[in-house]
Amino acid sequence: MQDAPPRSYYAHAAQRLADLVDEIRTKYPLDTITLMSHSQGTMIAMAATTLCKKRAPDALFVMNSPYATNDKMTDAAACGGERPTVQARVNTFRNVANRIKQDKRVFTESLLQQLQCGASEDMNFWRRT
Protein backbone atom coordinates (compact mmCIF):
# COMPACT_ATOMS: atom_id res chain seq x y z
CA MET A 1 0.00 0.00 0.00
CA GLN A 2 1.15 3.53 -0.66
CA ASP A 3 0.87 6.58 1.53
CA ALA A 4 -2.14 8.78 0.91
CA PRO A 5 -3.50 11.99 2.38
CA PRO A 6 -5.77 11.60 5.41
CA ARG A 7 -9.43 10.92 4.68
CA SER A 8 -10.40 14.38 5.89
CA TYR A 9 -8.50 15.79 2.88
CA TYR A 10 -10.86 14.00 0.50
CA ALA A 11 -13.95 15.11 2.41
CA HIS A 12 -12.82 18.74 2.25
CA ALA A 13 -11.97 18.42 -1.45
CA ALA A 14 -15.41 16.97 -2.20
CA GLN A 15 -17.14 19.78 -0.31
CA ARG A 16 -15.06 22.43 -2.09
CA LEU A 17 -15.96 20.93 -5.46
CA ALA A 18 -19.66 20.77 -4.52
CA ASP A 19 -19.48 24.40 -3.40
CA LEU A 20 -17.93 25.34 -6.75
CA VAL A 21 -20.73 23.58 -8.65
CA ASP A 22 -23.29 25.40 -6.49
CA GLU A 23 -21.56 28.74 -7.11
CA ILE A 24 -21.58 28.17 -10.88
CA ARG A 25 -25.26 27.18 -10.71
CA THR A 26 -26.00 30.45 -8.86
CA LYS A 27 -24.06 32.72 -11.21
CA TYR A 28 -24.80 30.91 -14.48
CA PRO A 29 -28.00 28.90 -13.97
CA LEU A 30 -28.37 28.00 -17.66
CA ASP A 31 -24.84 26.64 -18.09
CA THR A 32 -24.06 22.96 -18.35
CA ILE A 33 -21.63 21.48 -15.85
CA THR A 34 -19.65 18.34 -16.57
CA LEU A 35 -17.20 16.92 -14.05
CA MET A 36 -14.37 14.88 -15.53
CA SER A 37 -12.33 12.94 -13.01
CA HIS A 38 -9.50 10.46 -12.99
CA SER A 39 -8.12 7.99 -10.48
CA GLN A 40 -8.60 9.09 -6.87
CA GLY A 41 -10.31 12.24 -8.11
CA THR A 42 -13.26 10.09 -9.16
CA MET A 43 -14.02 9.43 -5.50
CA ILE A 44 -14.00 13.18 -4.83
CA ALA A 45 -16.19 13.93 -7.86
CA MET A 46 -18.75 11.28 -6.93
CA ALA A 47 -18.91 12.53 -3.34
CA ALA A 48 -19.19 16.14 -4.54
CA THR A 49 -22.13 15.17 -6.76
CA THR A 50 -24.06 14.00 -3.72
CA LEU A 51 -23.08 17.08 -1.68
CA CYS A 52 -24.37 19.70 -4.14
CA LYS A 53 -27.07 21.84 -2.56
CA LYS A 54 -28.33 23.04 -5.92
CA ARG A 55 -28.61 20.98 -9.08
CA ALA A 56 -26.00 18.23 -9.42
CA PRO A 57 -23.60 18.26 -12.38
CA ASP A 58 -25.22 17.46 -15.72
CA ALA A 59 -22.65 14.75 -16.39
CA LEU A 60 -19.95 12.94 -14.45
CA PHE A 61 -17.08 11.09 -16.08
CA VAL A 62 -15.10 8.67 -13.90
CA MET A 63 -11.96 7.38 -15.58
CA ASN A 64 -9.65 4.70 -14.21
CA SER A 65 -11.38 4.87 -10.85
CA PRO A 66 -10.35 2.87 -7.81
CA TYR A 67 -14.08 2.68 -7.01
CA ALA A 68 -15.29 -0.83 -7.66
CA THR A 69 -18.42 -2.76 -6.89
CA ASN A 70 -16.55 -6.02 -6.41
CA ASP A 71 -14.56 -6.97 -3.32
CA LYS A 72 -10.83 -7.29 -3.97
CA MET A 73 -8.20 -9.03 -1.91
CA THR A 74 -6.43 -5.70 -1.39
CA ASP A 75 -9.60 -4.28 0.19
CA ALA A 76 -9.55 -7.05 2.76
CA ALA A 77 -5.84 -6.47 3.42
CA ALA A 78 -6.26 -2.71 3.81
CA CYS A 79 -9.57 -2.51 5.68
CA GLY A 80 -10.37 -5.95 7.03
CA GLY A 81 -13.95 -6.24 8.22
CA GLU A 82 -14.46 -2.46 8.05
CA ARG A 83 -14.64 -2.39 4.26
CA PRO A 84 -17.97 -1.62 2.57
CA THR A 85 -20.02 -4.56 1.39
CA VAL A 86 -20.59 -5.17 -2.30
CA GLN A 87 -24.24 -4.14 -1.86
CA ALA A 88 -23.21 -0.90 -0.13
CA ARG A 89 -20.89 -0.09 -3.05
CA VAL A 90 -23.63 -0.76 -5.59
CA ASN A 91 -26.08 1.36 -3.59
CA THR A 92 -23.59 4.24 -3.37
CA PHE A 93 -22.98 4.20 -7.11
CA ARG A 94 -26.72 4.01 -7.75
CA ASN A 95 -27.31 7.00 -5.44
CA VAL A 96 -24.74 9.09 -7.33
CA ALA A 97 -26.35 8.19 -10.68
CA ASN A 98 -29.83 8.85 -9.31
CA ARG A 99 -28.77 12.28 -8.04
CA ILE A 100 -27.68 13.24 -11.54
CA LYS A 101 -30.87 11.76 -13.01
CA GLN A 102 -33.08 13.50 -10.43
CA ASP A 103 -31.54 16.88 -11.22
CA LYS A 104 -31.42 16.51 -14.99
CA ARG A 105 -32.61 19.47 -16.97
CA VAL A 106 -34.91 18.81 -19.87
CA PHE A 107 -34.25 21.14 -22.75
CA THR A 108 -37.27 23.12 -23.85
CA GLU A 109 -37.53 24.23 -27.46
CA SER A 110 -36.43 27.71 -26.35
CA LEU A 111 -33.28 26.32 -24.70
CA LEU A 112 -32.52 24.14 -27.72
CA GLN A 113 -32.63 27.22 -29.94
CA GLN A 114 -29.88 28.77 -27.81
CA LEU A 115 -27.47 25.88 -28.37
CA GLN A 116 -24.40 26.70 -30.40
CA CYS A 117 -20.84 25.53 -30.44
CA GLY A 118 -17.64 26.38 -32.19
CA ALA A 119 -17.19 28.91 -34.92
CA SER A 120 -15.93 28.53 -38.43
CA GLU A 121 -13.38 30.89 -39.94
CA ASP A 122 -16.23 33.11 -41.11
CA MET A 123 -17.67 33.13 -37.53
CA ASN A 124 -20.68 30.98 -38.34
CA PHE A 125 -21.66 29.00 -35.26
CA TRP A 126 -22.98 25.48 -35.45
CA ARG A 127 -26.59 25.42 -34.37
CA ARG A 128 -29.14 22.68 -34.01
CA THR A 129 -31.33 22.43 -37.09
C-alpha atoms as a PDB file:
ATOM      1  CA  MET A   1       0.000   0.000   0.000  1.00  0.00           C
ATOM      2  CA  GLN A   2       1.147   3.527  -0.658  1.00  0.00           C
ATOM      3  CA  ASP A   3       0.872   6.582   1.533  1.00  0.00           C
ATOM      4  CA  ALA A   4      -2.141   8.778   0.913  1.00  0.00           C
ATOM      5  CA  PRO A   5      -3.505  11.992   2.383  1.00  0.00           C
ATOM      6  CA  PRO A   6      -5.769  11.603   5.414  1.00  0.00           C
ATOM      7  CA  ARG A   7      -9.434  10.919   4.676  1.00  0.00           C
ATOM      8  CA  SER A   8     -10.398  14.378   5.888  1.00  0.00           C
ATOM      9  CA  TYR A   9      -8.499  15.792   2.883  1.00  0.00           C
ATOM     10  CA  TYR A  10     -10.856  14.003   0.498  1.00  0.00           C
ATOM     11  CA  ALA A  11     -13.948  15.107   2.413  1.00  0.00           C
ATOM     12  CA  HIS A  12     -12.819  18.745   2.249  1.00  0.00           C
ATOM     13  CA  ALA A  13     -11.975  18.425  -1.448  1.00  0.00           C
ATOM     14  CA  ALA A  14     -15.414  16.966  -2.196  1.00  0.00           C
ATOM     15  CA  GLN A  15     -17.140  19.779  -0.309  1.00  0.00           C
ATOM     16  CA  ARG A  16     -15.060  22.433  -2.092  1.00  0.00           C
ATOM     17  CA  LEU A  17     -15.957  20.930  -5.462  1.00  0.00           C
ATOM     18  CA  ALA A  18     -19.659  20.765  -4.520  1.00  0.00           C
ATOM     19  CA  ASP A  19     -19.482  24.404  -3.402  1.00  0.00           C
ATOM     20  CA  LEU A  20     -17.935  25.344  -6.750  1.00  0.00           C
ATOM     21  CA  VAL A  21     -20.727  23.578  -8.649  1.00  0.00           C
ATOM     22  CA  ASP A  22     -23.289  25.404  -6.490  1.00  0.00           C
ATOM     23  CA  GLU A  23     -21.555  28.737  -7.110  1.00  0.00           C
ATOM     24  CA  ILE A  24     -21.584  28.173 -10.876  1.00  0.00           C
ATOM     25  CA  ARG A  25     -25.257  27.184 -10.707  1.00  0.00           C
ATOM     26  CA  THR A  26     -25.996  30.446  -8.859  1.00  0.00           C
ATOM     27  CA  LYS A  27     -24.057  32.723 -11.211  1.00  0.00           C
ATOM     28  CA  TYR A  28     -24.797  30.908 -14.475  1.00  0.00           C
ATOM     29  CA  PRO A  29     -28.000  28.896 -13.974  1.00  0.00           C
ATOM     30  CA  LEU A  30     -28.367  27.997 -17.659  1.00  0.00           C
ATOM     31  CA  ASP A  31     -24.838  26.644 -18.086  1.00  0.00           C
ATOM     32  CA  THR A  32     -24.060  22.956 -18.349  1.00  0.00           C
ATOM     33  CA  ILE A  33     -21.626  21.483 -15.846  1.00  0.00           C
ATOM     34  CA  THR A  34     -19.646  18.335 -16.572  1.00  0.00           C
ATOM     35  CA  LEU A  35     -17.201  16.915 -14.047  1.00  0.00           C
ATOM     36  CA  MET A  36     -14.366  14.884 -15.528  1.00  0.00           C
ATOM     37  CA  SER A  37     -12.335  12.943 -13.006  1.00  0.00           C
ATOM     38  CA  HIS A  38      -9.498  10.456 -12.991  1.00  0.00           C
ATOM     39  CA  SER A  39      -8.122   7.995 -10.483  1.00  0.00           C
ATOM     40  CA  GLN A  40      -8.602   9.090  -6.866  1.00  0.00           C
ATOM     41  CA  GLY A  41     -10.315  12.240  -8.111  1.00  0.00           C
ATOM     42  CA  THR A  42     -13.263  10.090  -9.159  1.00  0.00           C
ATOM     43  CA  MET A  43     -14.021   9.432  -5.500  1.00  0.00           C
ATOM     44  CA  ILE A  44     -14.000  13.179  -4.827  1.00  0.00           C
ATOM     45  CA  ALA A  45     -16.185  13.929  -7.861  1.00  0.00           C
ATOM     46  CA  MET A  46     -18.751  11.277  -6.932  1.00  0.00           C
ATOM     47  CA  ALA A  47     -18.912  12.532  -3.342  1.00  0.00           C
ATOM     48  CA  ALA A  48     -19.195  16.142  -4.540  1.00  0.00           C
ATOM     49  CA  THR A  49     -22.128  15.174  -6.758  1.00  0.00           C
ATOM     50  CA  THR A  50     -24.061  14.001  -3.719  1.00  0.00           C
ATOM     51  CA  LEU A  51     -23.077  17.081  -1.683  1.00  0.00           C
ATOM     52  CA  CYS A  52     -24.373  19.697  -4.142  1.00  0.00           C
ATOM     53  CA  LYS A  53     -27.067  21.837  -2.557  1.00  0.00           C
ATOM     54  CA  LYS A  54     -28.331  23.039  -5.916  1.00  0.00           C
ATOM     55  CA  ARG A  55     -28.606  20.985  -9.084  1.00  0.00           C
ATOM     56  CA  ALA A  56     -26.003  18.233  -9.422  1.00  0.00           C
ATOM     57  CA  PRO A  57     -23.600  18.256 -12.382  1.00  0.00           C
ATOM     58  CA  ASP A  58     -25.215  17.460 -15.715  1.00  0.00           C
ATOM     59  CA  ALA A  59     -22.646  14.751 -16.393  1.00  0.00           C
ATOM     60  CA  LEU A  60     -19.947  12.945 -14.450  1.00  0.00           C
ATOM     61  CA  PHE A  61     -17.079  11.085 -16.077  1.00  0.00           C
ATOM     62  CA  VAL A  62     -15.101   8.670 -13.904  1.00  0.00           C
ATOM     63  CA  MET A  63     -11.965   7.376 -15.582  1.00  0.00           C
ATOM     64  CA  ASN A  64      -9.649   4.699 -14.213  1.00  0.00           C
ATOM     65  CA  SER A  65     -11.385   4.871 -10.851  1.00  0.00           C
ATOM     66  CA  PRO A  66     -10.351   2.867  -7.813  1.00  0.00           C
ATOM     67  CA  TYR A  67     -14.084   2.678  -7.010  1.00  0.00           C
ATOM     68  CA  ALA A  68     -15.294  -0.832  -7.658  1.00  0.00           C
ATOM     69  CA  THR A  69     -18.418  -2.762  -6.890  1.00  0.00           C
ATOM     70  CA  ASN A  70     -16.549  -6.018  -6.409  1.00  0.00           C
ATOM     71  CA  ASP A  71     -14.561  -6.967  -3.318  1.00  0.00           C
ATOM     72  CA  LYS A  72     -10.831  -7.291  -3.971  1.00  0.00           C
ATOM     73  CA  MET A  73      -8.197  -9.032  -1.908  1.00  0.00           C
ATOM     74  CA  THR A  74      -6.426  -5.696  -1.393  1.00  0.00           C
ATOM     75  CA  ASP A  75      -9.602  -4.280   0.187  1.00  0.00           C
ATOM     76  CA  ALA A  76      -9.548  -7.051   2.764  1.00  0.00           C
ATOM     77  CA  ALA A  77      -5.841  -6.472   3.415  1.00  0.00           C
ATOM     78  CA  ALA A  78      -6.263  -2.715   3.812  1.00  0.00           C
ATOM     79  CA  CYS A  79      -9.571  -2.513   5.679  1.00  0.00           C
ATOM     80  CA  GLY A  80     -10.367  -5.948   7.032  1.00  0.00           C
ATOM     81  CA  GLY A  81     -13.951  -6.242   8.215  1.00  0.00           C
ATOM     82  CA  GLU A  82     -14.463  -2.462   8.055  1.00  0.00           C
ATOM     83  CA  ARG A  83     -14.638  -2.386   4.262  1.00  0.00           C
ATOM     84  CA  PRO A  84     -17.967  -1.618   2.575  1.00  0.00           C
ATOM     85  CA  THR A  85     -20.022  -4.561   1.389  1.00  0.00           C
ATOM     86  CA  VAL A  86     -20.587  -5.172  -2.295  1.00  0.00           C
ATOM     87  CA  GLN A  87     -24.241  -4.136  -1.858  1.00  0.00           C
ATOM     88  CA  ALA A  88     -23.206  -0.899  -0.130  1.00  0.00           C
ATOM     89  CA  ARG A  89     -20.885  -0.089  -3.045  1.00  0.00           C
ATOM     90  CA  VAL A  90     -23.630  -0.760  -5.585  1.00  0.00           C
ATOM     91  CA  ASN A  91     -26.083   1.364  -3.587  1.00  0.00           C
ATOM     92  CA  THR A  92     -23.594   4.240  -3.370  1.00  0.00           C
ATOM     93  CA  PHE A  93     -22.977   4.203  -7.112  1.00  0.00           C
ATOM     94  CA  ARG A  94     -26.724   4.009  -7.752  1.00  0.00           C
ATOM     95  CA  ASN A  95     -27.309   7.000  -5.444  1.00  0.00           C
ATOM     96  CA  VAL A  96     -24.737   9.085  -7.334  1.00  0.00           C
ATOM     97  CA  ALA A  97     -26.348   8.186 -10.676  1.00  0.00           C
ATOM     98  CA  ASN A  98     -29.829   8.850  -9.307  1.00  0.00           C
ATOM     99  CA  ARG A  99     -28.769  12.281  -8.038  1.00  0.00           C
ATOM    100  CA  ILE A 100     -27.679  13.242 -11.541  1.00  0.00           C
ATOM    101  CA  LYS A 101     -30.873  11.755 -13.007  1.00  0.00           C
ATOM    102  CA  GLN A 102     -33.084  13.502 -10.430  1.00  0.00           C
ATOM    103  CA  ASP A 103     -31.542  16.884 -11.215  1.00  0.00           C
ATOM    104  CA  LYS A 104     -31.417  16.511 -14.986  1.00  0.00           C
ATOM    105  CA  ARG A 105     -32.611  19.467 -16.970  1.00  0.00           C
ATOM    106  CA  VAL A 106     -34.913  18.811 -19.866  1.00  0.00           C
ATOM    107  CA  PHE A 107     -34.251  21.140 -22.754  1.00  0.00           C
ATOM    108  CA  THR A 108     -37.269  23.120 -23.851  1.00  0.00           C
ATOM    109  CA  GLU A 109     -37.531  24.229 -27.458  1.00  0.00           C
ATOM    110  CA  SER A 110     -36.428  27.710 -26.351  1.00  0.00           C
ATOM    111  CA  LEU A 111     -33.280  26.324 -24.702  1.00  0.00           C
ATOM    112  CA  LEU A 112     -32.520  24.138 -27.715  1.00  0.00           C
ATOM    113  CA  GLN A 113     -32.632  27.223 -29.942  1.00  0.00           C
ATOM    114  CA  GLN A 114     -29.881  28.771 -27.814  1.00  0.00           C
ATOM    115  CA  LEU A 115     -27.466  25.883 -28.370  1.00  0.00           C
ATOM    116  CA  GLN A 116     -24.404  26.698 -30.403  1.00  0.00           C
ATOM    117  CA  CYS A 117     -20.841  25.528 -30.440  1.00  0.00           C
ATOM    118  CA  GLY A 118     -17.638  26.379 -32.188  1.00  0.00           C
ATOM    119  CA  ALA A 119     -17.190  28.914 -34.919  1.00  0.00           C
ATOM    120  CA  SER A 120     -15.932  28.529 -38.431  1.00  0.00           C
ATOM    121  CA  GLU A 121     -13.381  30.892 -39.941  1.00  0.00           C
ATOM    122  CA  ASP A 122     -16.232  33.109 -41.105  1.00  0.00           C
ATOM    123  CA  MET A 123     -17.667  33.129 -37.530  1.00  0.00           C
ATOM    124  CA  ASN A 124     -20.676  30.976 -38.343  1.00  0.00           C
ATOM    125  CA  PHE A 125     -21.657  29.003 -35.263  1.00  0.00           C
ATOM    126  CA  TRP A 126     -22.980  25.483 -35.449  1.00  0.00           C
ATOM    127  CA  ARG A 127     -26.593  25.423 -34.369  1.00  0.00           C
ATOM    128  CA  ARG A 128     -29.136  22.680 -34.009  1.00  0.00           C
ATOM    129  CA  THR A 129     -31.335  22.429 -37.093  1.00  0.00           C
END
